[in-house]
Amino acid sequence: MAIKSRSICADGKREMTMYEFMRWMKEFDADKDGKISREELAEAVRVSGGWFAGLKAKLGGRSVDRYGNCYIDDSEIKNLVEFAEKHLGVRIFHL
């Protein structure tokens, strides 16, 4: 489940398109329900080399999950992108 992207910036962040990011996040959807749970988000943090994955996923999940249902779905993708750019070491660009 490594991040597969075309380039790495000078600041060490990997660049990827929104499509690549969405495809990568779907790899963490273990139960294939179309939503990312806090546990699945913690796995994404772990895989990307982040420390304190559980804590970041818990706090990040709160900031990303605007409905408070403990899941991140497609309607909350903007918040997930902001979280990913801050905590997963990626830069996502829109085409």
N, C-alpha and C. Protein backbone atom coordinates (compact mmCIF):
# COMPACT_ATOMS: atom_id res chain seq x y z
N MET A 1 0.81 -1.20 0.00
CA MET A 1 0.00 0.00 0.00
C MET A 1 0.85 1.26 0.00
N ALA A 2 1.99 1.19 -0.59
CA ALA A 2 2.86 2.35 -0.64
C ALA A 2 2.27 3.42 -1.54
N ILE A 3 2.67 4.64 -1.29
CA ILE A 3 2.24 5.74 -2.12
C ILE A 3 3.01 5.67 -3.42
N LYS A 4 2.32 5.55 -4.50
CA LYS A 4 2.94 5.51 -5.82
C LYS A 4 2.64 6.82 -6.52
N SER A 5 3.64 7.63 -6.67
CA SER A 5 3.42 8.93 -7.31
C SER A 5 4.54 9.22 -8.28
N ARG A 6 4.32 10.25 -9.05
CA ARG A 6 5.26 10.59 -10.10
C ARG A 6 6.49 11.31 -9.60
N SER A 7 6.37 12.14 -8.57
CA SER A 7 7.53 12.93 -8.18
C SER A 7 7.52 13.23 -6.69
N ILE A 8 8.69 13.60 -6.22
CA ILE A 8 8.85 14.02 -4.84
C ILE A 8 9.40 15.43 -4.87
N CYS A 9 8.78 16.32 -4.13
CA CYS A 9 9.18 17.73 -4.10
C CYS A 9 10.45 17.92 -3.28
N ALA A 10 11.00 19.10 -3.35
CA ALA A 10 12.19 19.45 -2.59
C ALA A 10 11.95 19.35 -1.08
N ASP A 11 10.70 19.56 -0.65
CA ASP A 11 10.39 19.49 0.78
C ASP A 11 10.11 18.06 1.24
N GLY A 12 10.28 17.07 0.34
CA GLY A 12 10.11 15.67 0.69
C GLY A 12 8.70 15.14 0.54
N LYS A 13 7.76 15.99 0.19
CA LYS A 13 6.37 15.54 0.01
C LYS A 13 6.21 14.91 -1.37
N ARG A 14 5.42 13.87 -1.41
CA ARG A 14 5.11 13.23 -2.69
C ARG A 14 3.94 13.95 -3.32
N GLU A 15 4.04 14.18 -4.62
CA GLU A 15 2.94 14.82 -5.35
C GLU A 15 2.09 13.75 -5.99
N MET A 16 0.79 13.97 -5.97
CA MET A 16 -0.13 13.07 -6.65
C MET A 16 -1.38 13.83 -7.04
N THR A 17 -2.04 13.30 -8.03
CA THR A 17 -3.30 13.90 -8.44
C THR A 17 -4.40 13.50 -7.47
N MET A 18 -5.52 14.16 -7.56
CA MET A 18 -6.66 13.81 -6.72
C MET A 18 -7.10 12.38 -7.01
N TYR A 19 -7.09 11.99 -8.28
CA TYR A 19 -7.47 10.63 -8.65
C TYR A 19 -6.53 9.61 -8.00
N GLU A 20 -5.22 9.86 -8.07
CA GLU A 20 -4.25 8.96 -7.45
C GLU A 20 -4.45 8.88 -5.95
N PHE A 21 -4.74 10.02 -5.33
CA PHE A 21 -4.97 10.05 -3.88
C PHE A 21 -6.21 9.24 -3.52
N MET A 22 -7.29 9.42 -4.26
CA MET A 22 -8.53 8.68 -3.98
C MET A 22 -8.31 7.18 -4.15
N ARG A 23 -7.61 6.80 -5.19
CA ARG A 23 -7.32 5.39 -5.42
C ARG A 23 -6.47 4.81 -4.29
N TRP A 24 -5.49 5.59 -3.82
CA TRP A 24 -4.63 5.15 -2.72
C TRP A 24 -5.43 5.00 -1.44
N MET A 25 -6.30 5.96 -1.13
CA MET A 25 -7.10 5.88 0.09
C MET A 25 -8.05 4.68 0.06
N LYS A 26 -8.55 4.34 -1.11
CA LYS A 26 -9.46 3.18 -1.21
C LYS A 26 -8.76 1.88 -0.84
N GLU A 27 -7.43 1.84 -0.96
CA GLU A 27 -6.69 0.66 -0.55
C GLU A 27 -6.80 0.42 0.95
N PHE A 28 -7.07 1.44 1.72
CA PHE A 28 -7.18 1.32 3.18
C PHE A 28 -8.60 1.00 3.64
N ASP A 29 -9.54 1.02 2.73
CA ASP A 29 -10.93 0.71 3.05
C ASP A 29 -11.06 -0.81 3.19
N ALA A 30 -10.67 -1.33 4.35
CA ALA A 30 -10.58 -2.77 4.58
C ALA A 30 -11.91 -3.49 4.40
N ASP A 31 -13.00 -2.88 4.83
CA ASP A 31 -14.31 -3.55 4.73
C ASP A 31 -15.05 -3.19 3.45
N LYS A 32 -14.42 -2.41 2.59
CA LYS A 32 -14.97 -2.05 1.27
C LYS A 32 -16.36 -1.43 1.34
N ASP A 33 -16.58 -0.59 2.35
CA ASP A 33 -17.89 0.07 2.48
C ASP A 33 -17.93 1.45 1.84
N GLY A 34 -16.81 1.87 1.25
CA GLY A 34 -16.76 3.17 0.59
C GLY A 34 -16.46 4.32 1.54
N LYS A 35 -16.17 4.01 2.81
CA LYS A 35 -15.86 5.03 3.81
C LYS A 35 -14.57 4.64 4.52
N ILE A 36 -13.88 5.64 5.05
CA ILE A 36 -12.65 5.42 5.79
C ILE A 36 -12.95 5.60 7.27
N SER A 37 -12.68 4.58 8.06
CA SER A 37 -12.88 4.66 9.51
C SER A 37 -11.62 5.23 10.16
N ARG A 38 -11.68 5.52 11.44
CA ARG A 38 -10.49 6.02 12.14
C ARG A 38 -9.37 4.99 12.12
N GLU A 39 -9.73 3.71 12.26
CA GLU A 39 -8.72 2.65 12.22
C GLU A 39 -8.05 2.58 10.85
N GLU A 40 -8.84 2.73 9.81
CA GLU A 40 -8.30 2.72 8.45
C GLU A 40 -7.43 3.95 8.20
N LEU A 41 -7.84 5.09 8.74
CA LEU A 41 -7.04 6.31 8.63
C LEU A 41 -5.72 6.15 9.39
N ALA A 42 -5.76 5.50 10.55
CA ALA A 42 -4.54 5.24 11.31
C ALA A 42 -3.58 4.37 10.52
N GLU A 43 -4.10 3.41 9.79
CA GLU A 43 -3.25 2.56 8.95
C GLU A 43 -2.60 3.38 7.84
N ALA A 44 -3.31 4.32 7.27
CA ALA A 44 -2.74 5.20 6.23
C ALA A 44 -1.61 6.03 6.82
N VAL A 45 -1.78 6.52 8.04
CA VAL A 45 -0.72 7.30 8.71
C VAL A 45 0.49 6.40 8.95
N ARG A 46 0.26 5.19 9.45
CA ARG A 46 1.34 4.25 9.71
C ARG A 46 2.14 3.93 8.45
N VAL A 47 1.44 3.61 7.38
CA VAL A 47 2.08 3.23 6.12
C VAL A 47 2.90 4.38 5.54
N SER A 48 2.43 5.59 5.73
CA SER A 48 3.16 6.73 5.18
C SER A 48 4.31 7.17 6.08
N GLY A 49 4.57 6.43 7.15
CA GLY A 49 5.72 6.71 8.00
C GLY A 49 5.43 7.67 9.14
N GLY A 50 4.18 7.95 9.40
CA GLY A 50 3.84 8.89 10.46
C GLY A 50 3.93 8.29 11.85
N TRP A 51 4.30 9.10 12.79
CA TRP A 51 4.37 8.68 14.19
C TRP A 51 3.03 8.96 14.84
N PHE A 52 2.76 8.24 15.92
CA PHE A 52 1.53 8.43 16.70
C PHE A 52 0.30 8.30 15.82
N ALA A 53 0.28 7.24 15.01
CA ALA A 53 -0.78 7.06 14.01
C ALA A 53 -2.17 7.04 14.63
N GLY A 54 -2.33 6.32 15.73
CA GLY A 54 -3.64 6.25 16.37
C GLY A 54 -4.13 7.60 16.86
N LEU A 55 -3.24 8.35 17.48
CA LEU A 55 -3.60 9.68 17.99
C LEU A 55 -3.91 10.63 16.84
N LYS A 56 -3.07 10.63 15.81
CA LYS A 56 -3.33 11.50 14.66
C LYS A 56 -4.64 11.15 13.98
N ALA A 57 -4.92 9.85 13.87
CA ALA A 57 -6.17 9.43 13.24
C ALA A 57 -7.37 9.84 14.08
N LYS A 58 -7.23 9.75 15.41
CA LYS A 58 -8.33 10.13 16.29
C LYS A 58 -8.60 11.63 16.19
N LEU A 59 -7.56 12.43 16.32
CA LEU A 59 -7.71 13.88 16.25
C LEU A 59 -8.04 14.33 14.83
N GLY A 60 -7.36 13.74 13.86
CA GLY A 60 -7.62 14.08 12.47
C GLY A 60 -9.00 13.65 12.03
N GLY A 61 -9.41 12.49 12.52
CA GLY A 61 -10.75 12.00 12.19
C GLY A 61 -11.82 12.96 12.66
N ARG A 62 -11.62 13.54 13.81
CA ARG A 62 -12.57 14.53 14.32
C ARG A 62 -12.63 15.76 13.43
N SER A 63 -11.47 16.21 12.96
CA SER A 63 -11.46 17.41 12.13
C SER A 63 -11.96 17.14 10.72
N VAL A 64 -11.76 15.93 10.23
CA VAL A 64 -12.18 15.57 8.88
C VAL A 64 -13.66 15.19 8.84
N ASP A 65 -14.11 14.49 9.86
CA ASP A 65 -15.46 13.93 9.91
C ASP A 65 -16.46 15.00 10.35
N ARG A 66 -17.00 15.72 9.40
CA ARG A 66 -17.89 16.84 9.74
C ARG A 66 -19.25 16.38 10.23
N TYR A 67 -19.64 15.13 9.96
CA TYR A 67 -20.94 14.63 10.41
C TYR A 67 -20.87 13.93 11.77
N GLY A 68 -19.65 13.64 12.24
CA GLY A 68 -19.48 13.01 13.54
C GLY A 68 -19.92 11.56 13.59
N ASN A 69 -19.91 10.87 12.44
CA ASN A 69 -20.34 9.47 12.42
C ASN A 69 -19.17 8.48 12.46
N CYS A 70 -17.96 8.99 12.72
CA CYS A 70 -16.73 8.19 12.82
C CYS A 70 -16.29 7.58 11.49
N TYR A 71 -16.80 8.08 10.39
CA TYR A 71 -16.40 7.64 9.06
C TYR A 71 -16.18 8.84 8.17
N ILE A 72 -15.25 8.69 7.22
CA ILE A 72 -14.98 9.73 6.25
C ILE A 72 -15.47 9.22 4.90
N ASP A 73 -16.42 9.93 4.32
CA ASP A 73 -16.94 9.50 3.03
C ASP A 73 -16.60 10.53 1.96
N ASP A 74 -17.10 10.33 0.75
CA ASP A 74 -16.75 11.20 -0.38
C ASP A 74 -17.13 12.66 -0.17
N SER A 75 -18.16 12.92 0.61
CA SER A 75 -18.58 14.30 0.84
C SER A 75 -17.60 15.06 1.74
N GLU A 76 -16.72 14.34 2.40
CA GLU A 76 -15.75 14.96 3.30
C GLU A 76 -14.34 14.93 2.74
N ILE A 77 -14.23 14.73 1.44
CA ILE A 77 -12.92 14.55 0.81
C ILE A 77 -12.04 15.80 0.92
N LYS A 78 -12.63 16.98 0.87
CA LYS A 78 -11.82 18.21 0.98
C LYS A 78 -11.09 18.24 2.32
N ASN A 79 -11.79 17.87 3.37
CA ASN A 79 -11.17 17.83 4.70
C ASN A 79 -10.08 16.75 4.76
N LEU A 80 -10.34 15.61 4.10
CA LEU A 80 -9.35 14.53 4.09
C LEU A 80 -8.09 14.94 3.35
N VAL A 81 -8.24 15.70 2.27
CA VAL A 81 -7.08 16.20 1.52
C VAL A 81 -6.24 17.11 2.41
N GLU A 82 -6.87 18.00 3.14
CA GLU A 82 -6.14 18.89 4.05
C GLU A 82 -5.39 18.09 5.11
N PHE A 83 -6.04 17.07 5.67
CA PHE A 83 -5.40 16.20 6.65
C PHE A 83 -4.19 15.49 6.03
N ALA A 84 -4.37 14.94 4.84
CA ALA A 84 -3.30 14.20 4.17
C ALA A 84 -2.10 15.09 3.88
N GLU A 85 -2.35 16.30 3.44
CA GLU A 85 -1.24 17.20 3.14
C GLU A 85 -0.49 17.58 4.41
N LYS A 86 -1.18 17.63 5.51
CA LYS A 86 -0.53 18.01 6.77
C LYS A 86 0.16 16.82 7.45
N HIS A 87 -0.47 15.63 7.43
CA HIS A 87 0.02 14.52 8.23
C HIS A 87 0.54 13.32 7.44
N LEU A 88 0.27 13.23 6.16
CA LEU A 88 0.70 12.05 5.40
C LEU A 88 1.84 12.35 4.43
N GLY A 89 2.32 13.56 4.41
CA GLY A 89 3.48 13.90 3.59
C GLY A 89 3.21 13.87 2.10
N VAL A 90 2.01 14.28 1.70
CA VAL A 90 1.69 14.32 0.28
C VAL A 90 1.22 15.72 -0.10
N ARG A 91 1.35 16.02 -1.37
CA ARG A 91 0.81 17.25 -1.93
C ARG A 91 -0.11 16.82 -3.06
N ILE A 92 -1.35 17.20 -2.95
CA ILE A 92 -2.36 16.76 -3.91
C ILE A 92 -2.71 17.94 -4.79
N PHE A 93 -2.64 17.72 -6.08
CA PHE A 93 -3.00 18.79 -7.00
C PHE A 93 -4.20 18.37 -7.84
N HIS A 94 -4.95 19.35 -8.21
CA HIS A 94 -6.18 19.11 -8.96
C HIS A 94 -5.94 19.44 -10.43
N LEU A 95 -6.41 18.57 -11.28
CA LEU A 95 -6.25 18.80 -12.72
C LEU A 95 -7.45 19.49 -13.27
